[in-house]
Amino acid sequence: EGRIAIAALAVGLAQGCVDESLKYAKERQAFGRPIGNYQAI
């Protein structure tokens, strides 16, 4: 049972990484525009 709960926790961390990366990619500027405009990001 606990493995399901740990999986949920891991998903939360993974989604938190998406949340923070989205926020940063829209704010951080590089070469004159947000880094989220670049396909690599």
PDB file of all heavy atoms in Angstrom:
ATOM      1  N   GLU A   1       0.834  -1.205   0.000  1.00  0.00           N
ATOM      2  CA  GLU A   1       0.000   0.000   0.000  1.00  0.00           C
ATOM      3  C   GLU A   1       0.868   1.255   0.000  1.00  0.00           C
ATOM      4  O   GLU A   1       0.606   2.221  -0.723  1.00  0.00           O
ATOM      5  CB  GLU A   1      -0.910   0.003   1.229  1.00  0.00           C
ATOM      6  CG  GLU A   1      -1.920  -1.137   1.260  1.00  0.00           C
ATOM      7  CD  GLU A   1      -2.740  -1.138   2.534  1.00  0.00           C
ATOM      8  OE1 GLU A   1      -2.486  -0.275   3.410  1.00  0.00           O
ATOM      9  OE2 GLU A   1      -3.632  -1.995   2.660  1.00  0.00           O
ATOM     10  N   GLY A   2       1.923   1.219   0.819  1.00  0.00           N
ATOM     11  CA  GLY A   2       2.787   2.388   0.943  1.00  0.00           C
ATOM     12  C   GLY A   2       3.473   2.760  -0.350  1.00  0.00           C
ATOM     13  O   GLY A   2       3.785   3.940  -0.579  1.00  0.00           O
ATOM     14  N   ARG A   3       3.712   1.767  -1.209  1.00  0.00           N
ATOM     15  CA  ARG A   3       4.369   2.073  -2.483  1.00  0.00           C
ATOM     16  C   ARG A   3       3.486   2.937  -3.375  1.00  0.00           C
ATOM     17  O   ARG A   3       3.990   3.747  -4.163  1.00  0.00           O
ATOM     18  CB  ARG A   3       4.761   0.776  -3.181  1.00  0.00           C
ATOM     19  CG  ARG A   3       5.977   0.149  -2.544  1.00  0.00           C
ATOM     20  CD  ARG A   3       6.264  -1.246  -3.016  1.00  0.00           C
ATOM     21  NE  ARG A   3       7.384  -1.786  -2.245  1.00  0.00           N
ATOM     22  CZ  ARG A   3       7.475  -3.026  -1.796  1.00  0.00           C
ATOM     23  NH1 ARG A   3       6.496  -3.889  -2.050  1.00  0.00           N
ATOM     24  NH2 ARG A   3       8.511  -3.427  -1.096  1.00  0.00           N
ATOM     25  N   ILE A   4       2.188   2.764  -3.273  1.00  0.00           N
ATOM     26  CA  ILE A   4       1.290   3.629  -4.033  1.00  0.00           C
ATOM     27  C   ILE A   4       1.395   5.057  -3.512  1.00  0.00           C
ATOM     28  O   ILE A   4       1.446   6.024  -4.285  1.00  0.00           O
ATOM     29  CB  ILE A   4      -0.164   3.122  -3.946  1.00  0.00           C
ATOM     30  CG1 ILE A   4      -0.264   1.670  -4.414  1.00  0.00           C
ATOM     31  CG2 ILE A   4      -1.081   4.016  -4.778  1.00  0.00           C
ATOM     32  CD1 ILE A   4      -1.650   1.067  -4.237  1.00  0.00           C
ATOM     33  N   ALA A   5       1.455   5.188  -2.198  1.00  0.00           N
ATOM     34  CA  ALA A   5       1.564   6.511  -1.593  1.00  0.00           C
ATOM     35  C   ALA A   5       2.887   7.176  -1.950  1.00  0.00           C
ATOM     36  O   ALA A   5       2.933   8.382  -2.252  1.00  0.00           O
ATOM     37  CB  ALA A   5       1.415   6.401  -0.074  1.00  0.00           C
ATOM     38  N   ILE A   6       3.981   6.419  -1.933  1.00  0.00           N
ATOM     39  CA  ILE A   6       5.277   6.983  -2.307  1.00  0.00           C
ATOM     40  C   ILE A   6       5.275   7.369  -3.782  1.00  0.00           C
ATOM     41  O   ILE A   6       5.865   8.383  -4.180  1.00  0.00           O
ATOM     42  CB  ILE A   6       6.410   5.983  -2.016  1.00  0.00           C
ATOM     43  CG1 ILE A   6       6.597   5.828  -0.505  1.00  0.00           C
ATOM     44  CG2 ILE A   6       7.718   6.439  -2.665  1.00  0.00           C
ATOM     45  CD1 ILE A   6       7.090   7.080   0.189  1.00  0.00           C
ATOM     46  N   ALA A   7       4.598   6.583  -4.621  1.00  0.00           N
ATOM     47  CA  ALA A   7       4.479   6.944  -6.033  1.00  0.00           C
ATOM     48  C   ALA A   7       3.764   8.282  -6.186  1.00  0.00           C
ATOM     49  O   ALA A   7       4.164   9.133  -6.988  1.00  0.00           O
ATOM     50  CB  ALA A   7       3.738   5.851  -6.801  1.00  0.00           C
ATOM     51  N   ALA A   8       2.701   8.473  -5.415  1.00  0.00           N
ATOM     52  CA  ALA A   8       1.980   9.745  -5.472  1.00  0.00           C
ATOM     53  C   ALA A   8       2.872  10.900  -5.042  1.00  0.00           C
ATOM     54  O   ALA A   8       2.861  11.979  -5.645  1.00  0.00           O
ATOM     55  CB  ALA A   8       0.733   9.668  -4.586  1.00  0.00           C
ATOM     56  N   LEU A   9       3.653  10.669  -3.986  1.00  0.00           N
ATOM     57  CA  LEU A   9       4.581  11.699  -3.516  1.00  0.00           C
ATOM     58  C   LEU A   9       5.610  12.019  -4.609  1.00  0.00           C
ATOM     59  O   LEU A   9       5.918  13.189  -4.868  1.00  0.00           O
ATOM     60  CB  LEU A   9       5.264  11.200  -2.245  1.00  0.00           C
ATOM     61  CG  LEU A   9       6.103  12.173  -1.423  1.00  0.00           C
ATOM     62  CD1 LEU A   9       6.219  11.679   0.023  1.00  0.00           C
ATOM     63  CD2 LEU A   9       7.497  12.371  -1.998  1.00  0.00           C
ATOM     64  N   ALA A  10       6.119  10.973  -5.255  1.00  0.00           N
ATOM     65  CA  ALA A  10       7.104  11.175  -6.318  1.00  0.00           C
ATOM     66  C   ALA A  10       6.511  11.952  -7.482  1.00  0.00           C
ATOM     67  O   ALA A  10       7.175  12.807  -8.085  1.00  0.00           O
ATOM     68  CB  ALA A  10       7.640   9.828  -6.796  1.00  0.00           C
ATOM     69  N   VAL A  11       5.260  11.668  -7.820  1.00  0.00           N
ATOM     70  CA  VAL A  11       4.587  12.414  -8.881  1.00  0.00           C
ATOM     71  C   VAL A  11       4.469  13.888  -8.495  1.00  0.00           C
ATOM     72  O   VAL A  11       4.661  14.787  -9.325  1.00  0.00           O
ATOM     73  CB  VAL A  11       3.197  11.819  -9.177  1.00  0.00           C
ATOM     74  CG1 VAL A  11       2.387  12.745 -10.083  1.00  0.00           C
ATOM     75  CG2 VAL A  11       3.336  10.447  -9.822  1.00  0.00           C
ATOM     76  N   GLY A  12       4.161  14.126  -7.224  1.00  0.00           N
ATOM     77  CA  GLY A  12       4.080  15.507  -6.772  1.00  0.00           C
ATOM     78  C   GLY A  12       5.395  16.248  -6.953  1.00  0.00           C
ATOM     79  O   GLY A  12       5.423  17.393  -7.428  1.00  0.00           O
ATOM     80  N   LEU A  13       6.499  15.605  -6.570  1.00  0.00           N
ATOM     81  CA  LEU A  13       7.806  16.235  -6.757  1.00  0.00           C
ATOM     82  C   LEU A  13       8.076  16.487  -8.237  1.00  0.00           C
ATOM     83  O   LEU A  13       8.541  17.567  -8.621  1.00  0.00           O
ATOM     84  CB  LEU A  13       8.894  15.353  -6.145  1.00  0.00           C
ATOM     85  CG  LEU A  13      10.306  15.943  -6.092  1.00  0.00           C
ATOM     86  CD1 LEU A  13      11.094  15.351  -4.921  1.00  0.00           C
ATOM     87  CD2 LEU A  13      11.081  15.728  -7.390  1.00  0.00           C
ATOM     88  N   ALA A  14       7.765  15.488  -9.067  1.00  0.00           N
ATOM     89  CA  ALA A  14       7.984  15.627 -10.508  1.00  0.00           C
ATOM     90  C   ALA A  14       7.160  16.776 -11.078  1.00  0.00           C
ATOM     91  O   ALA A  14       7.635  17.549 -11.929  1.00  0.00           O
ATOM     92  CB  ALA A  14       7.642  14.315 -11.219  1.00  0.00           C
ATOM     93  N   GLN A  15       5.904  16.899 -10.621  1.00  0.00           N
ATOM     94  CA  GLN A  15       5.057  17.979 -11.108  1.00  0.00           C
ATOM     95  C   GLN A  15       5.523  19.324 -10.575  1.00  0.00           C
ATOM     96  O   GLN A  15       5.440  20.348 -11.278  1.00  0.00           O
ATOM     97  CB  GLN A  15       3.608  17.731 -10.706  1.00  0.00           C
ATOM     98  CG  GLN A  15       2.603  18.629 -11.422  1.00  0.00           C
ATOM     99  CD  GLN A  15       2.552  18.337 -12.912  1.00  0.00           C
ATOM    100  OE1 GLN A  15       2.302  17.204 -13.320  1.00  0.00           O
ATOM    101  NE2 GLN A  15       2.785  19.348 -13.731  1.00  0.00           N
ATOM    102  N   GLY A  16       6.030  19.336  -9.355  1.00  0.00           N
ATOM    103  CA  GLY A  16       6.589  20.568  -8.806  1.00  0.00           C
ATOM    104  C   GLY A  16       7.767  21.061  -9.623  1.00  0.00           C
ATOM    105  O   GLY A  16       7.959  22.273  -9.792  1.00  0.00           O
ATOM    106  N   CYS A  17       8.548  20.126 -10.153  1.00  0.00           N
ATOM    107  CA  CYS A  17       9.661  20.500 -11.025  1.00  0.00           C
ATOM    108  C   CYS A  17       9.160  21.160 -12.307  1.00  0.00           C
ATOM    109  O   CYS A  17       9.764  22.113 -12.813  1.00  0.00           O
ATOM    110  CB  CYS A  17      10.493  19.267 -11.360  1.00  0.00           C
ATOM    111  SG  CYS A  17      11.453  18.613  -9.968  1.00  0.00           S
ATOM    112  N   VAL A  18       8.041  20.654 -12.827  1.00  0.00           N
ATOM    113  CA  VAL A  18       7.422  21.280 -14.003  1.00  0.00           C
ATOM    114  C   VAL A  18       6.946  22.684 -13.655  1.00  0.00           C
ATOM    115  O   VAL A  18       7.188  23.649 -14.402  1.00  0.00           O
ATOM    116  CB  VAL A  18       6.248  20.424 -14.526  1.00  0.00           C
ATOM    117  CG1 VAL A  18       5.553  21.136 -15.696  1.00  0.00           C
ATOM    118  CG2 VAL A  18       6.724  19.047 -14.956  1.00  0.00           C
ATOM    119  N   ASP A  19       6.262  22.814 -12.509  1.00  0.00           N
ATOM    120  CA  ASP A  19       5.738  24.115 -12.083  1.00  0.00           C
ATOM    121  C   ASP A  19       6.849  25.161 -12.011  1.00  0.00           C
ATOM    122  O   ASP A  19       6.718  26.269 -12.556  1.00  0.00           O
ATOM    123  CB  ASP A  19       5.079  23.997 -10.704  1.00  0.00           C
ATOM    124  CG  ASP A  19       3.869  23.076 -10.691  1.00  0.00           C
ATOM    125  OD1 ASP A  19       3.305  22.815 -11.767  1.00  0.00           O
ATOM    126  OD2 ASP A  19       3.502  22.612  -9.588  1.00  0.00           O
ATOM    127  N   GLU A  20       7.930  24.801 -11.317  1.00  0.00           N
ATOM    128  CA  GLU A  20       9.015  25.759 -11.114  1.00  0.00           C
ATOM    129  C   GLU A  20       9.749  26.063 -12.421  1.00  0.00           C
ATOM    130  O   GLU A  20      10.178  27.199 -12.657  1.00  0.00           O
ATOM    131  CB  GLU A  20       9.995  25.227 -10.072  1.00  0.00           C
ATOM    132  CG  GLU A  20       9.423  25.130  -8.663  1.00  0.00           C
ATOM    133  CD  GLU A  20       8.984  26.475  -8.117  1.00  0.00           C
ATOM    134  OE1 GLU A  20       9.663  27.486  -8.407  1.00  0.00           O
ATOM    135  OE2 GLU A  20       7.966  26.520  -7.398  1.00  0.00           O
ATOM    136  N   SER A  21       9.881  25.060 -13.273  1.00  0.00           N
ATOM    137  CA  SER A  21      10.568  25.268 -14.547  1.00  0.00           C
ATOM    138  C   SER A  21       9.762  26.167 -15.472  1.00  0.00           C
ATOM    139  O   SER A  21      10.320  27.018 -16.183  1.00  0.00           O
ATOM    140  CB  SER A  21      10.852  23.929 -15.224  1.00  0.00           C
ATOM    141  OG  SER A  21      11.745  23.149 -14.439  1.00  0.00           O
ATOM    142  N   LEU A  22       8.449  25.981 -15.497  1.00  0.00           N
ATOM    143  CA  LEU A  22       7.590  26.852 -16.294  1.00  0.00           C
ATOM    144  C   LEU A  22       7.707  28.301 -15.847  1.00  0.00           C
ATOM    145  O   LEU A  22       7.850  29.223 -16.655  1.00  0.00           O
ATOM    146  CB  LEU A  22       6.133  26.386 -16.176  1.00  0.00           C
ATOM    147  CG  LEU A  22       5.675  25.274 -17.103  1.00  0.00           C
ATOM    148  CD1 LEU A  22       4.286  24.806 -16.700  1.00  0.00           C
ATOM    149  CD2 LEU A  22       5.672  25.743 -18.552  1.00  0.00           C
ATOM    150  N   LYS A  23       7.640  28.484 -14.531  1.00  0.00           N
ATOM    151  CA  LYS A  23       7.728  29.831 -13.980  1.00  0.00           C
ATOM    152  C   LYS A  23       9.055  30.483 -14.337  1.00  0.00           C
ATOM    153  O   LYS A  23       9.104  31.635 -14.795  1.00  0.00           O
ATOM    154  CB  LYS A  23       7.557  29.765 -12.459  1.00  0.00           C
ATOM    155  CG  LYS A  23       7.685  31.093 -11.743  1.00  0.00           C
ATOM    156  CD  LYS A  23       7.546  30.891 -10.229  1.00  0.00           C
ATOM    157  CE  LYS A  23       7.765  32.199  -9.482  1.00  0.00           C
ATOM    158  NZ  LYS A  23       7.703  31.998  -8.008  1.00  0.00           N
ATOM    159  N   TYR A  24      10.130  29.744 -14.164  1.00  0.00           N
ATOM    160  CA  TYR A  24      11.462  30.286 -14.423  1.00  0.00           C
ATOM    161  C   TYR A  24      11.668  30.556 -15.912  1.00  0.00           C
ATOM    162  O   TYR A  24      12.257  31.576 -16.299  1.00  0.00           O
ATOM    163  CB  TYR A  24      12.520  29.307 -13.904  1.00  0.00           C
ATOM    164  CG  TYR A  24      13.931  29.845 -13.960  1.00  0.00           C
ATOM    165  CD1 TYR A  24      14.390  30.745 -12.999  1.00  0.00           C
ATOM    166  CD2 TYR A  24      14.799  29.444 -14.970  1.00  0.00           C
ATOM    167  CE1 TYR A  24      15.683  31.235 -13.045  1.00  0.00           C
ATOM    168  CE2 TYR A  24      16.102  29.941 -15.027  1.00  0.00           C
ATOM    169  CZ  TYR A  24      16.533  30.835 -14.070  1.00  0.00           C
ATOM    170  OH  TYR A  24      17.812  31.323 -14.123  1.00  0.00           O
ATOM    171  N   ALA A  25      11.170  29.644 -16.755  1.00  0.00           N
ATOM    172  CA  ALA A  25      11.366  29.785 -18.200  1.00  0.00           C
ATOM    173  C   ALA A  25      10.654  31.022 -18.756  1.00  0.00           C
ATOM    174  O   ALA A  25      11.071  31.580 -19.783  1.00  0.00           O
ATOM    175  CB  ALA A  25      10.879  28.537 -18.923  1.00  0.00           C
ATOM    176  N   LYS A  26       9.598  31.442 -18.111  1.00  0.00           N
ATOM    177  CA  LYS A  26       8.881  32.638 -18.563  1.00  0.00           C
ATOM    178  C   LYS A  26       9.527  33.924 -18.066  1.00  0.00           C
ATOM    179  O   LYS A  26       9.339  34.988 -18.659  1.00  0.00           O
ATOM    180  CB  LYS A  26       7.433  32.573 -18.078  1.00  0.00           C
ATOM    181  CG  LYS A  26       6.616  31.470 -18.731  1.00  0.00           C
ATOM    182  CD  LYS A  26       5.215  31.385 -18.132  1.00  0.00           C
ATOM    183  CE  LYS A  26       4.411  30.267 -18.781  1.00  0.00           C
ATOM    184  NZ  LYS A  26       3.047  30.135 -18.189  1.00  0.00           N
ATOM    185  N   GLU A  27      10.283  33.821 -16.950  1.00  0.00           N
ATOM    186  CA  GLU A  27      10.876  35.011 -16.339  1.00  0.00           C
ATOM    187  C   GLU A  27      12.326  35.241 -16.759  1.00  0.00           C
ATOM    188  O   GLU A  27      12.748  36.385 -16.934  1.00  0.00           O
ATOM    189  CB  GLU A  27      10.812  34.904 -14.811  1.00  0.00           C
ATOM    190  CG  GLU A  27       9.399  34.854 -14.245  1.00  0.00           C
ATOM    191  CD  GLU A  27       9.385  34.593 -12.747  1.00  0.00           C
ATOM    192  OE1 GLU A  27      10.464  34.257 -12.190  1.00  0.00           O
ATOM    193  OE2 GLU A  27       8.315  34.715 -12.136  1.00  0.00           O
ATOM    194  N   ARG A  28      13.068  34.174 -16.923  1.00  0.00           N
ATOM    195  CA  ARG A  28      14.513  34.290 -17.178  1.00  0.00           C
ATOM    196  C   ARG A  28      14.767  34.712 -18.623  1.00  0.00           C
ATOM    197  O   ARG A  28      14.275  34.092 -19.565  1.00  0.00           O
ATOM    198  CB  ARG A  28      15.187  32.939 -16.908  1.00  0.00           C
ATOM    199  CG  ARG A  28      16.690  32.927 -17.175  1.00  0.00           C
ATOM    200  CD  ARG A  28      17.427  33.691 -16.077  1.00  0.00           C
ATOM    201  NE  ARG A  28      18.852  33.357 -16.077  1.00  0.00           N
ATOM    202  CZ  ARG A  28      19.796  34.022 -16.729  1.00  0.00           C
ATOM    203  NH1 ARG A  28      19.472  35.078 -17.471  1.00  0.00           N
ATOM    204  NH2 ARG A  28      21.052  33.647 -16.641  1.00  0.00           N
ATOM    205  N   GLN A  29      15.539  35.755 -18.778  1.00  0.00           N
ATOM    206  CA  GLN A  29      15.882  36.265 -20.097  1.00  0.00           C
ATOM    207  C   GLN A  29      17.279  35.791 -20.511  1.00  0.00           C
ATOM    208  O   GLN A  29      18.208  35.779 -19.696  1.00  0.00           O
ATOM    209  CB  GLN A  29      15.857  37.792 -20.096  1.00  0.00           C
ATOM    210  CG  GLN A  29      14.495  38.399 -19.799  1.00  0.00           C
ATOM    211  CD  GLN A  29      13.612  38.468 -21.020  1.00  0.00           C
ATOM    212  OE1 GLN A  29      14.097  38.616 -22.151  1.00  0.00           O
ATOM    213  NE2 GLN A  29      12.309  38.391 -20.822  1.00  0.00           N
ATOM    214  N   ALA A  30      17.417  35.413 -21.772  1.00  0.00           N
ATOM    215  CA  ALA A  30      18.729  35.063 -22.324  1.00  0.00           C
ATOM    216  C   ALA A  30      18.741  35.418 -23.803  1.00  0.00           C
ATOM    217  O   ALA A  30      17.796  35.091 -24.534  1.00  0.00           O
ATOM    218  CB  ALA A  30      19.030  33.581 -22.139  1.00  0.00           C
ATOM    219  N   PHE A  31      19.740  36.118 -24.224  1.00  0.00           N
ATOM    220  CA  PHE A  31      19.861  36.543 -25.620  1.00  0.00           C
ATOM    221  C   PHE A  31      18.646  37.348 -26.074  1.00  0.00           C
ATOM    222  O   PHE A  31      18.164  37.210 -27.189  1.00  0.00           O
ATOM    223  CB  PHE A  31      20.075  35.343 -26.544  1.00  0.00           C
ATOM    224  CG  PHE A  31      21.258  34.503 -26.153  1.00  0.00           C
ATOM    225  CD1 PHE A  31      21.076  33.292 -25.505  1.00  0.00           C
ATOM    226  CD2 PHE A  31      22.551  34.953 -26.409  1.00  0.00           C
ATOM    227  CE1 PHE A  31      22.167  32.521 -25.129  1.00  0.00           C
ATOM    228  CE2 PHE A  31      23.658  34.185 -26.029  1.00  0.00           C
ATOM    229  CZ  PHE A  31      23.468  32.966 -25.382  1.00  0.00           C
ATOM    230  N   GLY A  32      18.118  38.148 -25.135  1.00  0.00           N
ATOM    231  CA  GLY A  32      17.081  39.103 -25.485  1.00  0.00           C
ATOM    232  C   GLY A  32      15.653  38.608 -25.390  1.00  0.00           C
ATOM    233  O   GLY A  32      14.731  39.360 -25.721  1.00  0.00           O
ATOM    234  N   ARG A  33      15.433  37.402 -24.959  1.00  0.00           N
ATOM    235  CA  ARG A  33      14.049  36.922 -24.805  1.00  0.00           C
ATOM    236  C   ARG A  33      13.984  35.830 -23.742  1.00  0.00           C
ATOM    237  O   ARG A  33      15.011  35.266 -23.357  1.00  0.00           O
ATOM    238  CB  ARG A  33      13.507  36.415 -26.127  1.00  0.00           C
ATOM    239  CG  ARG A  33      14.372  35.399 -26.847  1.00  0.00           C
ATOM    240  CD  ARG A  33      13.740  34.991 -28.164  1.00  0.00           C
ATOM    241  NE  ARG A  33      14.596  34.083 -28.932  1.00  0.00           N
ATOM    242  CZ  ARG A  33      14.139  33.231 -29.819  1.00  0.00           C
ATOM    243  NH1 ARG A  33      12.832  33.162 -30.053  1.00  0.00           N
ATOM    244  NH2 ARG A  33      14.962  32.449 -30.488  1.00  0.00           N
ATOM    245  N   PRO A  34      12.752  35.515 -23.245  1.00  0.00           N
ATOM    246  CA  PRO A  34      12.610  34.488 -22.215  1.00  0.00           C
ATOM    247  C   PRO A  34      13.151  33.152 -22.712  1.00  0.00           C
ATOM    248  O   PRO A  34      12.952  32.788 -23.877  1.00  0.00           O
ATOM    249  CB  PRO A  34      11.097  34.425 -21.982  1.00  0.00           C
ATOM    250  CG  PRO A  34      10.585  35.749 -22.430  1.00  0.00           C
ATOM    251  CD  PRO A  34      11.462  36.153 -23.582  1.00  0.00           C
ATOM    252  N   ILE A  35      13.793  32.398 -21.821  1.00  0.00           N
ATOM    253  CA  ILE A  35      14.368  31.126 -22.259  1.00  0.00           C
ATOM    254  C   ILE A  35      13.284  30.130 -22.659  1.00  0.00           C
ATOM    255  O   ILE A  35      13.553  29.170 -23.389  1.00  0.00           O
ATOM    256  CB  ILE A  35      15.283  30.517 -21.175  1.00  0.00           C
ATOM    257  CG1 ILE A  35      14.485  30.183 -19.906  1.00  0.00           C
ATOM    258  CG2 ILE A  35      16.457  31.447 -20.873  1.00  0.00           C
ATOM    259  CD1 ILE A  35      15.303  29.408 -18.873  1.00  0.00           C
ATOM    260  N   GLY A  36      12.058  30.347 -22.204  1.00  0.00           N
ATOM    261  CA  GLY A  36      10.957  29.481 -22.606  1.00  0.00           C
ATOM    262  C   GLY A  36      10.603  29.602 -24.075  1.00  0.00           C
ATOM    263  O   GLY A  36       9.851  28.774 -24.601  1.00  0.00           O
ATOM    264  N   ASN A  37      11.126  30.614 -24.748  1.00  0.00           N
ATOM    265  CA  ASN A  37      10.899  30.773 -26.188  1.00  0.00           C
ATOM    266  C   ASN A  37      11.792  29.858 -27.015  1.00  0.00           C
ATOM    267  O   ASN A  37      11.578  29.706 -28.224  1.00  0.00           O
ATOM    268  CB  ASN A  37      11.160  32.226 -26.615  1.00  0.00           C
ATOM    269  CG  ASN A  37      10.053  33.164 -26.170  1.00  0.00           C
ATOM    270  OD1 ASN A  37       9.120  32.752 -25.483  1.00  0.00           O
ATOM    271  ND2 ASN A  37      10.158  34.436 -26.539  1.00  0.00           N
ATOM    272  N   TYR A  38      12.794  29.272 -26.369  1.00  0.00           N
ATOM    273  CA  TYR A  38      13.740  28.424 -27.091  1.00  0.00           C
ATOM    274  C   TYR A  38      13.281  26.964 -27.051  1.00  0.00           C
ATOM    275  O   TYR A  38      12.863  26.438 -26.017  1.00  0.00           O
ATOM    276  CB  TYR A  38      15.139  28.542 -26.488  1.00  0.00           C
ATOM    277  CG  TYR A  38      15.715  29.930 -26.616  1.00  0.00           C
ATOM    278  CD1 TYR A  38      15.723  30.799 -25.528  1.00  0.00           C
ATOM    279  CD2 TYR A  38      16.230  30.382 -27.823  1.00  0.00           C
ATOM    280  CE1 TYR A  38      16.237  32.074 -25.636  1.00  0.00           C
ATOM    281  CE2 TYR A  38      16.754  31.666 -27.951  1.00  0.00           C
ATOM    282  CZ  TYR A  38      16.748  32.503 -26.851  1.00  0.00           C
ATOM    283  OH  TYR A  38      17.253  33.785 -26.972  1.00  0.00           O
ATOM    284  N   GLN A  39      13.386  26.328 -28.215  1.00  0.00           N
ATOM    285  CA  GLN A  39      12.872  24.967 -28.343  1.00  0.00           C
ATOM    286  C   GLN A  39      13.582  23.988 -27.415  1.00  0.00           C
ATOM    287  O   GLN A  39      12.957  23.037 -26.915  1.00  0.00           O
ATOM    288  CB  GLN A  39      13.007  24.498 -29.798  1.00  0.00           C
ATOM    289  CG  GLN A  39      12.202  23.251 -30.112  1.00  0.00           C
ATOM    290  CD  GLN A  39      12.267  22.889 -31.590  1.00  0.00           C
ATOM    291  OE1 GLN A  39      13.301  22.437 -32.074  1.00  0.00           O
ATOM    292  NE2 GLN A  39      11.164  23.104 -32.296  1.00  0.00           N
ATOM    293  N   ALA A  40      14.835  24.200 -27.132  1.00  0.00           N
ATOM    294  CA  ALA A  40      15.572  23.300 -26.234  1.00  0.00           C
ATOM    295  C   ALA A  40      14.911  23.250 -24.858  1.00  0.00           C
ATOM    296  O   ALA A  40      14.762  22.173 -24.266  1.00  0.00           O
ATOM    297  CB  ALA A  40      17.024  23.754 -26.111  1.00  0.00           C
ATOM    298  N   ILE A  41      14.496  24.416 -24.363  1.00  0.00           N
ATOM    299  CA  ILE A  41      13.835  24.475 -23.055  1.00  0.00           C
ATOM    300  C   ILE A  41      12.408  23.951 -23.156  1.00  0.00           C
ATOM    301  O   ILE A  41      11.918  23.224 -22.280  1.00  0.00           O
ATOM    302  CB  ILE A  41      13.843  25.918 -22.514  1.00  0.00           C
ATOM    303  CG1 ILE A  41      15.279  26.418 -22.365  1.00  0.00           C
ATOM    304  CG2 ILE A  41      13.098  25.995 -21.183  1.00  0.00           C
ATOM    305  CD1 ILE A  41      16.120  25.624 -21.391  1.00  0.00           C
TER     306      ILE A  41
END
